Amino acid sequence: LNKSLAITTSLESRGTYICEVQFQRRTLTASVDLDLVQV
């Protein structure tokens, strides 16, 4: 039941990540934005 994504952040990693799980009747999607705290 776990479809999580593991990454190592970089400046190019900022953006929107979309998780898609395909079922027989339809595809469920969930999105999350990744942002970096910078000094």
PDB file of all heavy atoms in Angstrom:
ATOM      1  N   LEU A   1       0.815  -1.207   0.000  1.00  0.00           N
ATOM      2  CA  LEU A   1       0.000   0.000   0.000  1.00  0.00           C
ATOM      3  C   LEU A   1       0.853   1.263   0.000  1.00  0.00           C
ATOM      4  O   LEU A   1       0.314   2.358   0.012  1.00  0.00           O
ATOM      5  CB  LEU A   1      -0.926   0.016   1.221  1.00  0.00           C
ATOM      6  CG  LEU A   1      -1.829  -1.199   1.406  1.00  0.00           C
ATOM      7  CD1 LEU A   1      -2.670  -1.046   2.662  1.00  0.00           C
ATOM      8  CD2 LEU A   1      -2.715  -1.399   0.197  1.00  0.00           C
ATOM      9  N   ASN A   2       2.161   1.105  -0.024  1.00  0.00           N
ATOM     10  CA  ASN A   2       3.086   2.244   0.094  1.00  0.00           C
ATOM     11  C   ASN A   2       3.707   2.534  -1.262  1.00  0.00           C
ATOM     12  O   ASN A   2       4.449   1.723  -1.814  1.00  0.00           O
ATOM     13  CB  ASN A   2       4.161   1.917   1.125  1.00  0.00           C
ATOM     14  CG  ASN A   2       5.092   3.089   1.373  1.00  0.00           C
ATOM     15  OD1 ASN A   2       4.945   4.157   0.779  1.00  0.00           O
ATOM     16  ND2 ASN A   2       6.056   2.890   2.251  1.00  0.00           N
ATOM     17  N   LYS A   3       3.422   3.692  -1.811  1.00  0.00           N
ATOM     18  CA  LYS A   3       3.979   4.104  -3.100  1.00  0.00           C
ATOM     19  C   LYS A   3       4.798   5.386  -2.956  1.00  0.00           C
ATOM     20  O   LYS A   3       4.826   6.232  -3.850  1.00  0.00           O
ATOM     21  CB  LYS A   3       2.837   4.318  -4.116  1.00  0.00           C
ATOM     22  CG  LYS A   3       1.947   3.102  -4.286  1.00  0.00           C
ATOM     23  CD  LYS A   3       2.743   1.897  -4.697  1.00  0.00           C
ATOM     24  CE  LYS A   3       1.931   0.618  -4.572  1.00  0.00           C
ATOM     25  NZ  LYS A   3       2.750  -0.588  -4.766  1.00  0.00           N
ATOM     26  N   SER A   4       5.445   5.558  -1.817  1.00  0.00           N
ATOM     27  CA  SER A   4       6.193   6.774  -1.543  1.00  0.00           C
ATOM     28  C   SER A   4       7.448   6.849  -2.409  1.00  0.00           C
ATOM     29  O   SER A   4       7.943   5.847  -2.925  1.00  0.00           O
ATOM     30  CB  SER A   4       6.581   6.833  -0.062  1.00  0.00           C
ATOM     31  OG  SER A   4       5.426   6.788   0.748  1.00  0.00           O
ATOM     32  N   LEU A   5       7.980   8.068  -2.544  1.00  0.00           N
ATOM     33  CA  LEU A   5       9.131   8.341  -3.403  1.00  0.00           C
ATOM     34  C   LEU A   5      10.250   8.916  -2.562  1.00  0.00           C
ATOM     35  O   LEU A   5      10.054   9.889  -1.825  1.00  0.00           O
ATOM     36  CB  LEU A   5       8.742   9.323  -4.512  1.00  0.00           C
ATOM     37  CG  LEU A   5       9.858   9.766  -5.459  1.00  0.00           C
ATOM     38  CD1 LEU A   5      10.334   8.599  -6.305  1.00  0.00           C
ATOM     39  CD2 LEU A   5       9.389  10.907  -6.339  1.00  0.00           C
ATOM     40  N   ALA A   6      11.455   8.316  -2.661  1.00  0.00           N
ATOM     41  CA  ALA A   6      12.625   8.789  -1.912  1.00  0.00           C
ATOM     42  C   ALA A   6      13.562   9.520  -2.860  1.00  0.00           C
ATOM     43  O   ALA A   6      13.938   8.991  -3.906  1.00  0.00           O
ATOM     44  CB  ALA A   6      13.347   7.612  -1.254  1.00  0.00           C
ATOM     45  N   ILE A   7      13.949  10.748  -2.499  1.00  0.00           N
ATOM     46  CA  ILE A   7      14.860  11.539  -3.323  1.00  0.00           C
ATOM     47  C   ILE A   7      15.852  12.254  -2.415  1.00  0.00           C
ATOM     48  O   ILE A   7      15.667  12.323  -1.206  1.00  0.00           O
ATOM     49  CB  ILE A   7      14.120  12.569  -4.195  1.00  0.00           C
ATOM     50  CG1 ILE A   7      13.427  13.609  -3.308  1.00  0.00           C
ATOM     51  CG2 ILE A   7      13.140  11.906  -5.129  1.00  0.00           C
ATOM     52  CD1 ILE A   7      12.850  14.775  -4.082  1.00  0.00           C
ATOM     53  N   THR A   8      16.921  12.781  -3.014  1.00  0.00           N
ATOM     54  CA  THR A   8      17.855  13.681  -2.344  1.00  0.00           C
ATOM     55  C   THR A   8      17.718  15.045  -2.993  1.00  0.00           C
ATOM     56  O   THR A   8      17.824  15.174  -4.216  1.00  0.00           O
ATOM     57  CB  THR A   8      19.301  13.168  -2.454  1.00  0.00           C
ATOM     58  OG1 THR A   8      19.386  11.872  -1.842  1.00  0.00           O
ATOM     59  CG2 THR A   8      20.261  14.109  -1.741  1.00  0.00           C
ATOM     60  N   THR A   9      17.486  16.055  -2.192  1.00  0.00           N
ATOM     61  CA  THR A   9      17.121  17.362  -2.723  1.00  0.00           C
ATOM     62  C   THR A   9      18.302  18.064  -3.384  1.00  0.00           C
ATOM     63  O   THR A   9      19.468  17.868  -3.014  1.00  0.00           O
ATOM     64  CB  THR A   9      16.573  18.258  -1.602  1.00  0.00           C
ATOM     65  OG1 THR A   9      17.579  18.408  -0.596  1.00  0.00           O
ATOM     66  CG2 THR A   9      15.335  17.650  -0.996  1.00  0.00           C
ATOM     67  N   SER A  10      17.961  18.875  -4.354  1.00  0.00           N
ATOM     68  CA  SER A  10      18.895  19.786  -5.021  1.00  0.00           C
ATOM     69  C   SER A  10      18.095  21.006  -5.448  1.00  0.00           C
ATOM     70  O   SER A  10      16.871  21.053  -5.284  1.00  0.00           O
ATOM     71  CB  SER A  10      19.555  19.112  -6.221  1.00  0.00           C
ATOM     72  OG  SER A  10      18.588  18.805  -7.210  1.00  0.00           O
ATOM     73  N   LEU A  11      18.775  21.999  -5.984  1.00  0.00           N
ATOM     74  CA  LEU A  11      18.052  23.193  -6.422  1.00  0.00           C
ATOM     75  C   LEU A  11      17.061  22.864  -7.526  1.00  0.00           C
ATOM     76  O   LEU A  11      16.028  23.519  -7.664  1.00  0.00           O
ATOM     77  CB  LEU A  11      19.049  24.256  -6.907  1.00  0.00           C
ATOM     78  CG  LEU A  11      19.904  24.908  -5.812  1.00  0.00           C
ATOM     79  CD1 LEU A  11      20.896  25.883  -6.439  1.00  0.00           C
ATOM     80  CD2 LEU A  11      19.033  25.618  -4.792  1.00  0.00           C
ATOM     81  N   GLU A  12      17.355  21.823  -8.315  1.00  0.00           N
ATOM     82  CA  GLU A  12      16.458  21.431  -9.401  1.00  0.00           C
ATOM     83  C   GLU A  12      15.295  20.572  -8.906  1.00  0.00           C
ATOM     84  O   GLU A  12      14.403  20.228  -9.693  1.00  0.00           O
ATOM     85  CB  GLU A  12      17.232  20.666 -10.479  1.00  0.00           C
ATOM     86  CG  GLU A  12      18.270  21.498 -11.228  1.00  0.00           C
ATOM     87  CD  GLU A  12      19.521  21.747 -10.407  1.00  0.00           C
ATOM     88  OE1 GLU A  12      19.747  20.987  -9.435  1.00  0.00           O
ATOM     89  OE2 GLU A  12      20.253  22.710 -10.732  1.00  0.00           O
ATOM     90  N   SER A  13      15.313  20.193  -7.621  1.00  0.00           N
ATOM     91  CA  SER A  13      14.248  19.329  -7.091  1.00  0.00           C
ATOM     92  C   SER A  13      12.974  20.095  -6.772  1.00  0.00           C
ATOM     93  O   SER A  13      11.940  19.483  -6.517  1.00  0.00           O
ATOM     94  CB  SER A  13      14.735  18.609  -5.826  1.00  0.00           C
ATOM     95  OG  SER A  13      15.872  17.827  -6.093  1.00  0.00           O
ATOM     96  N   ARG A  14      13.040  21.416  -6.730  1.00  0.00           N
ATOM     97  CA  ARG A  14      11.853  22.206  -6.372  1.00  0.00           C
ATOM     98  C   ARG A  14      10.802  22.096  -7.465  1.00  0.00           C
ATOM     99  O   ARG A  14      11.102  22.266  -8.648  1.00  0.00           O
ATOM    100  CB  ARG A  14      12.251  23.667  -6.151  1.00  0.00           C
ATOM    101  CG  ARG A  14      13.132  23.882  -4.953  1.00  0.00           C
ATOM    102  CD  ARG A  14      13.630  25.308  -4.867  1.00  0.00           C
ATOM    103  NE  ARG A  14      14.521  25.632  -5.988  1.00  0.00           N
ATOM    104  CZ  ARG A  14      15.080  26.807  -6.172  1.00  0.00           C
ATOM    105  NH1 ARG A  14      14.816  27.796  -5.326  1.00  0.00           N
ATOM    106  NH2 ARG A  14      15.887  27.015  -7.198  1.00  0.00           N
ATOM    107  N   GLY A  15       9.570  21.792  -7.043  1.00  0.00           N
ATOM    108  CA  GLY A  15       8.478  21.666  -7.997  1.00  0.00           C
ATOM    109  C   GLY A  15       7.341  20.841  -7.422  1.00  0.00           C
ATOM    110  O   GLY A  15       7.238  20.629  -6.208  1.00  0.00           O
ATOM    111  N   THR A  16       6.481  20.365  -8.285  1.00  0.00           N
ATOM    112  CA  THR A  16       5.300  19.587  -7.897  1.00  0.00           C
ATOM    113  C   THR A  16       5.500  18.129  -8.270  1.00  0.00           C
ATOM    114  O   THR A  16       5.850  17.817  -9.417  1.00  0.00           O
ATOM    115  CB  THR A  16       4.042  20.134  -8.591  1.00  0.00           C
ATOM    116  OG1 THR A  16       3.876  21.517  -8.249  1.00  0.00           O
ATOM    117  CG2 THR A  16       2.813  19.364  -8.155  1.00  0.00           C
ATOM    118  N   TYR A  17       5.268  17.242  -7.309  1.00  0.00           N
ATOM    119  CA  TYR A  17       5.393  15.799  -7.528  1.00  0.00           C
ATOM    120  C   TYR A  17       3.992  15.189  -7.503  1.00  0.00           C
ATOM    121  O   TYR A  17       3.206  15.440  -6.582  1.00  0.00           O
ATOM    122  CB  TYR A  17       6.273  15.166  -6.458  1.00  0.00           C
ATOM    123  CG  TYR A  17       7.728  15.573  -6.568  1.00  0.00           C
ATOM    124  CD1 TYR A  17       8.163  16.793  -6.065  1.00  0.00           C
ATOM    125  CD2 TYR A  17       8.654  14.745  -7.194  1.00  0.00           C
ATOM    126  CE1 TYR A  17       9.488  17.181  -6.179  1.00  0.00           C
ATOM    127  CE2 TYR A  17       9.989  15.122  -7.308  1.00  0.00           C
ATOM    128  CZ  TYR A  17      10.400  16.345  -6.794  1.00  0.00           C
ATOM    129  OH  TYR A  17      11.703  16.709  -6.920  1.00  0.00           O
ATOM    130  N   ILE A  18       3.691  14.386  -8.514  1.00  0.00           N
ATOM    131  CA  ILE A  18       2.358  13.810  -8.683  1.00  0.00           C
ATOM    132  C   ILE A  18       2.458  12.289  -8.581  1.00  0.00           C
ATOM    133  O   ILE A  18       3.172  11.651  -9.365  1.00  0.00           O
ATOM    134  CB  ILE A  18       1.751  14.208 -10.042  1.00  0.00           C
ATOM    135  CG1 ILE A  18       1.726  15.742 -10.169  1.00  0.00           C
ATOM    136  CG2 ILE A  18       0.345  13.638 -10.198  1.00  0.00           C
ATOM    137  CD1 ILE A  18       1.370  16.215 -11.558  1.00  0.00           C
ATOM    138  N   CYS A  19       1.742  11.726  -7.590  1.00  0.00           N
ATOM    139  CA  CYS A  19       1.694  10.265  -7.409  1.00  0.00           C
ATOM    140  C   CYS A  19       0.443   9.735  -8.102  1.00  0.00           C
ATOM    141  O   CYS A  19      -0.656  10.242  -7.883  1.00  0.00           O
ATOM    142  CB  CYS A  19       1.663   9.929  -5.920  1.00  0.00           C
ATOM    143  SG  CYS A  19       1.422   8.170  -5.567  1.00  0.00           S
ATOM    144  N   GLU A  20       0.622   8.733  -8.944  1.00  0.00           N
ATOM    145  CA  GLU A  20      -0.497   8.119  -9.666  1.00  0.00           C
ATOM    146  C   GLU A  20      -0.540   6.629  -9.359  1.00  0.00           C
ATOM    147  O   GLU A  20       0.454   5.926  -9.521  1.00  0.00           O
ATOM    148  CB  GLU A  20      -0.345   8.328 -11.177  1.00  0.00           C
ATOM    149  CG  GLU A  20      -0.421   9.790 -11.601  1.00  0.00           C
ATOM    150  CD  GLU A  20      -0.355   9.946 -13.113  1.00  0.00           C
ATOM    151  OE1 GLU A  20       0.055   8.978 -13.784  1.00  0.00           O
ATOM    152  OE2 GLU A  20      -0.705  11.024 -13.625  1.00  0.00           O
ATOM    153  N   VAL A  21      -1.712   6.173  -8.896  1.00  0.00           N
ATOM    154  CA  VAL A  21      -1.935   4.744  -8.640  1.00  0.00           C
ATOM    155  C   VAL A  21      -3.065   4.285  -9.543  1.00  0.00           C
ATOM    156  O   VAL A  21      -4.171   4.824  -9.474  1.00  0.00           O
ATOM    157  CB  VAL A  21      -2.265   4.477  -7.160  1.00  0.00           C
ATOM    158  CG1 VAL A  21      -2.505   2.991  -6.934  1.00  0.00           C
ATOM    159  CG2 VAL A  21      -1.138   4.979  -6.261  1.00  0.00           C
ATOM    160  N   GLN A  22      -2.765   3.310 -10.384  1.00  0.00           N
ATOM    161  CA  GLN A  22      -3.735   2.841 -11.370  1.00  0.00           C
ATOM    162  C   GLN A  22      -4.584   1.710 -10.785  1.00  0.00           C
ATOM    163  O   GLN A  22      -4.047   0.748 -10.217  1.00  0.00           O
ATOM    164  CB  GLN A  22      -3.027   2.347 -12.638  1.00  0.00           C
ATOM    165  CG  GLN A  22      -2.312   3.444 -13.425  1.00  0.00           C
ATOM    166  CD  GLN A  22      -0.958   3.795 -12.867  1.00  0.00           C
ATOM    167  OE1 GLN A  22      -0.297   2.955 -12.291  1.00  0.00           O
ATOM    168  NE2 GLN A  22      -0.533   5.046 -13.045  1.00  0.00           N
ATOM    169  N   PHE A  23      -5.908   1.860 -10.914  1.00  0.00           N
ATOM    170  CA  PHE A  23      -6.857   0.811 -10.560  1.00  0.00           C
ATOM    171  C   PHE A  23      -7.589   0.376 -11.834  1.00  0.00           C
ATOM    172  O   PHE A  23      -7.410   0.983 -12.890  1.00  0.00           O
ATOM    173  CB  PHE A  23      -7.865   1.323  -9.528  1.00  0.00           C
ATOM    174  CG  PHE A  23      -7.265   1.574  -8.171  1.00  0.00           C
ATOM    175  CD1 PHE A  23      -6.615   2.768  -7.903  1.00  0.00           C
ATOM    176  CD2 PHE A  23      -7.350   0.622  -7.175  1.00  0.00           C
ATOM    177  CE1 PHE A  23      -6.069   3.008  -6.665  1.00  0.00           C
ATOM    178  CE2 PHE A  23      -6.808   0.857  -5.926  1.00  0.00           C
ATOM    179  CZ  PHE A  23      -6.162   2.047  -5.672  1.00  0.00           C
ATOM    180  N   GLN A  24      -8.396  -0.653 -11.710  1.00  0.00           N
ATOM    181  CA  GLN A  24      -9.108  -1.156 -12.884  1.00  0.00           C
ATOM    182  C   GLN A  24     -10.112  -0.138 -13.401  1.00  0.00           C
ATOM    183  O   GLN A  24     -10.275   0.020 -14.605  1.00  0.00           O
ATOM    184  CB  GLN A  24      -9.809  -2.474 -12.543  1.00  0.00           C
ATOM    185  CG  GLN A  24      -8.860  -3.633 -12.282  1.00  0.00           C
ATOM    186  CD  GLN A  24      -9.602  -4.905 -11.924  1.00  0.00           C
ATOM    187  OE1 GLN A  24     -10.823  -4.920 -11.821  1.00  0.00           O
ATOM    188  NE2 GLN A  24      -8.862  -5.984 -11.735  1.00  0.00           N
ATOM    189  N   ARG A  25     -10.777   0.578 -12.488  1.00  0.00           N
ATOM    190  CA  ARG A  25     -11.830   1.498 -12.926  1.00  0.00           C
ATOM    191  C   ARG A  25     -11.304   2.886 -13.242  1.00  0.00           C
ATOM    192  O   ARG A  25     -11.833   3.572 -14.103  1.00  0.00           O
ATOM    193  CB  ARG A  25     -12.930   1.589 -11.857  1.00  0.00           C
ATOM    194  CG  ARG A  25     -13.685   0.298 -11.646  1.00  0.00           C
ATOM    195  CD  ARG A  25     -15.037   0.562 -10.984  1.00  0.00           C
ATOM    196  NE  ARG A  25     -14.936   1.169  -9.681  1.00  0.00           N
ATOM    197  CZ  ARG A  25     -15.001   0.510  -8.536  1.00  0.00           C
ATOM    198  NH1 ARG A  25     -15.140  -0.807  -8.564  1.00  0.00           N
ATOM    199  NH2 ARG A  25     -14.926   1.142  -7.387  1.00  0.00           N
ATOM    200  N   ARG A  26     -10.268   3.350 -12.534  1.00  0.00           N
ATOM    201  CA  ARG A  26      -9.764   4.692 -12.754  1.00  0.00           C
ATOM    202  C   ARG A  26      -8.394   4.830 -12.112  1.00  0.00           C
ATOM    203  O   ARG A  26      -7.913   3.908 -11.453  1.00  0.00           O
ATOM    204  CB  ARG A  26     -10.732   5.749 -12.203  1.00  0.00           C
ATOM    205  CG  ARG A  26     -10.873   5.707 -10.702  1.00  0.00           C
ATOM    206  CD  ARG A  26     -11.971   6.622 -10.199  1.00  0.00           C
ATOM    207  NE  ARG A  26     -11.755   8.005 -10.586  1.00  0.00           N
ATOM    208  CZ  ARG A  26     -12.684   8.751 -11.154  1.00  0.00           C
ATOM    209  NH1 ARG A  26     -13.878   8.220 -11.407  1.00  0.00           N
ATOM    210  NH2 ARG A  26     -12.456   9.998 -11.471  1.00  0.00           N
ATOM    211  N   THR A  27      -7.779   5.984 -12.272  1.00  0.00           N
ATOM    212  CA  THR A  27      -6.465   6.279 -11.694  1.00  0.00           C
ATOM    213  C   THR A  27      -6.628   7.359 -10.633  1.00  0.00           C
ATOM    214  O   THR A  27      -7.220   8.407 -10.881  1.00  0.00           O
ATOM    215  CB  THR A  27      -5.480   6.756 -12.774  1.00  0.00           C
ATOM    216  OG1 THR A  27      -5.289   5.711 -13.729  1.00  0.00           O
ATOM    217  CG2 THR A  27      -4.141   7.119 -12.156  1.00  0.00           C
ATOM    218  N   LEU A  28      -6.103   7.068  -9.450  1.00  0.00           N
ATOM    219  CA  LEU A  28      -6.116   8.040  -8.370  1.00  0.00           C
ATOM    220  C   LEU A  28      -4.809   8.828  -8.376  1.00  0.00           C
ATOM    221  O   LEU A  28      -3.731   8.259  -8.605  1.00  0.00           O
ATOM    222  CB  LEU A  28      -6.281   7.352  -7.016  1.00  0.00           C
ATOM    223  CG  LEU A  28      -7.608   6.631  -6.767  1.00  0.00           C
ATOM    224  CD1 LEU A  28      -7.621   6.030  -5.365  1.00  0.00           C
ATOM    225  CD2 LEU A  28      -8.787   7.574  -6.943  1.00  0.00           C
ATOM    226  N   THR A  29      -4.899  10.122  -8.134  1.00  0.00           N
ATOM    227  CA  THR A  29      -3.713  10.977  -8.123  1.00  0.00           C
ATOM    228  C   THR A  29      -3.671  11.798  -6.840  1.00  0.00           C
ATOM    229  O   THR A  29      -4.703  12.141  -6.266  1.00  0.00           O
ATOM    230  CB  THR A  29      -3.700  11.937  -9.332  1.00  0.00           C
ATOM    231  OG1 THR A  29      -4.847  12.797  -9.264  1.00  0.00           O
ATOM    232  CG2 THR A  29      -3.719  11.161 -10.627  1.00  0.00           C
ATOM    233  N   ALA A  30      -2.456  12.079  -6.409  1.00  0.00           N
ATOM    234  CA  ALA A  30      -2.222  12.977  -5.269  1.00  0.00           C
ATOM    235  C   ALA A  30      -0.947  13.739  -5.561  1.00  0.00           C
ATOM    236  O   ALA A  30       0.018  13.190  -6.109  1.00  0.00           O
ATOM    237  CB  ALA A  30      -2.094  12.186  -3.965  1.00  0.00           C
ATOM    238  N   SER A  31      -0.934  15.015  -5.237  1.00  0.00           N
ATOM    239  CA  SER A  31       0.224  15.849  -5.539  1.00  0.00           C
ATOM    240  C   SER A  31       0.710  16.555  -4.291  1.00  0.00           C
ATOM    241  O   SER A  31      -0.052  16.804  -3.351  1.00  0.00           O
ATOM    242  CB  SER A  31      -0.122  16.880  -6.618  1.00  0.00           C
ATOM    243  OG  SER A  31      -1.126  17.763  -6.168  1.00  0.00           O
ATOM    244  N   VAL A  32       2.003  16.875  -4.290  1.00  0.00           N
ATOM    245  CA  VAL A  32       2.610  17.619  -3.203  1.00  0.00           C
ATOM    246  C   VAL A  32       3.730  18.479  -3.788  1.00  0.00           C
ATOM    247  O   VAL A  32       4.418  18.071  -4.735  1.00  0.00           O
ATOM    248  CB  VAL A  32       3.159  16.654  -2.122  1.00  0.00           C
ATOM    249  CG1 VAL A  32       4.261  15.768  -2.662  1.00  0.00           C
ATOM    250  CG2 VAL A  32       3.643  17.432  -0.911  1.00  0.00           C
ATOM    251  N   ASP A  33       3.873  19.680  -3.248  1.00  0.00           N
ATOM    252  CA  ASP A  33       4.929  20.593  -3.686  1.00  0.00           C
ATOM    253  C   ASP A  33       6.129  20.463  -2.758  1.00  0.00           C
ATOM    254  O   ASP A  33       5.977  20.357  -1.535  1.00  0.00           O
ATOM    255  CB  ASP A  33       4.435  22.038  -3.682  1.00  0.00           C
ATOM    256  CG  ASP A  33       3.409  22.296  -4.775  1.00  0.00           C
ATOM    257  OD1 ASP A  33       3.499  21.633  -5.824  1.00  0.00           O
ATOM    258  OD2 ASP A  33       2.508  23.134  -4.585  1.00  0.00           O
ATOM    259  N   LEU A  34       7.329  20.496  -3.357  1.00  0.00           N
ATOM    260  CA  LEU A  34       8.573  20.456  -2.595  1.00  0.00           C
ATOM    261  C   LEU A  34       9.275  21.795  -2.741  1.00  0.00           C
ATOM    262  O   LEU A  34       9.486  22.281  -3.861  1.00  0.00           O
ATOM    263  CB  LEU A  34       9.479  19.327  -3.095  1.00  0.00           C
ATOM    264  CG  LEU A  34      10.859  19.249  -2.445  1.00  0.00           C
ATOM    265  CD1 LEU A  34      10.737  18.962  -0.952  1.00  0.00           C
ATOM    266  CD2 LEU A  34      11.719  18.178  -3.115  1.00  0.00           C
ATOM    267  N   ASP A  35       9.630  22.393  -1.611  1.00  0.00           N
ATOM    268  CA  ASP A  35      10.346  23.671  -1.624  1.00  0.00           C
ATOM    269  C   ASP A  35      11.508  23.587  -0.642  1.00  0.00           C
ATOM    270  O   ASP A  35      11.488  22.792   0.312  1.00  0.00           O
ATOM    271  CB  ASP A  35       9.409  24.820  -1.245  1.00  0.00           C
ATOM    272  CG  ASP A  35       9.972  26.177  -1.646  1.00  0.00           C
ATOM    273  OD1 ASP A  35      11.033  26.201  -2.304  1.00  0.00           O
ATOM    274  OD2 ASP A  35       9.359  27.200  -1.305  1.00  0.00           O
ATOM    275  N   LEU A  36      12.541  24.403  -0.868  1.00  0.00           N
ATOM    276  CA  LEU A  36      13.749  24.393  -0.056  1.00  0.00           C
ATOM    277  C   LEU A  36      13.861  25.690   0.727  1.00  0.00           C
ATOM    278  O   LEU A  36      13.577  26.774   0.203  1.00  0.00           O
ATOM    279  CB  LEU A  36      14.987  24.216  -0.936  1.00  0.00           C
ATOM    280  CG  LEU A  36      15.030  22.956  -1.801  1.00  0.00           C
ATOM    281  CD1 LEU A  36      16.314  22.922  -2.607  1.00  0.00           C
ATOM    282  CD2 LEU A  36      14.913  21.694  -0.952  1.00  0.00           C
ATOM    283  N   VAL A  37      14.285  25.566   1.988  1.00  0.00           N
ATOM    284  CA  VAL A  37      14.581  26.732   2.815  1.00  0.00           C
ATOM    285  C   VAL A  37      16.031  27.122   2.550  1.00  0.00           C
ATOM    286  O   VAL A  37      16.950  26.336   2.776  1.00  0.00           O
ATOM    287  CB  VAL A  37      14.360  26.434   4.309  1.00  0.00           C
ATOM    288  CG1 VAL A  37      14.627  27.669   5.145  1.00  0.00           C
ATOM    289  CG2 VAL A  37      12.947  25.926   4.543  1.00  0.00           C
ATOM    290  N   GLN A  38      16.264  28.345   2.075  1.00  0.00           N
ATOM    291  CA  GLN A  38      17.597  28.787   1.677  1.00  0.00           C
ATOM    292  C   GLN A  38      17.994  30.047   2.447  1.00  0.00           C
ATOM    293  O   GLN A  38      17.152  30.889   2.746  1.00  0.00           O
ATOM    294  CB  GLN A  38      17.640  29.095   0.183  1.00  0.00           C
ATOM    295  CG  GLN A  38      17.262  27.910  -0.710  1.00  0.00           C
ATOM    296  CD  GLN A  38      17.299  28.296  -2.164  1.00  0.00           C
ATOM    297  OE1 GLN A  38      18.360  28.429  -2.765  1.00  0.00           O
ATOM    298  NE2 GLN A  38      16.123  28.501  -2.741  1.00  0.00           N
ATOM    299  N   VAL A  39      19.297  30.150   2.736  1.00  0.00           N
ATOM    300  CA  VAL A  39      19.868  31.340   3.363  1.00  0.00           C
ATOM    301  C   VAL A  39      20.815  31.984   2.358  1.00  0.00           C
ATOM    302  O   VAL A  39      21.771  31.344   1.894  1.00  0.00           O
ATOM    303  CB  VAL A  39      20.606  30.993   4.665  1.00  0.00           C
ATOM    304  CG1 VAL A  39      21.296  32.232   5.234  1.00  0.00           C
ATOM    305  CG2 VAL A  39      19.635  30.421   5.680  1.00  0.00           C
TER     306      VAL A  39
END
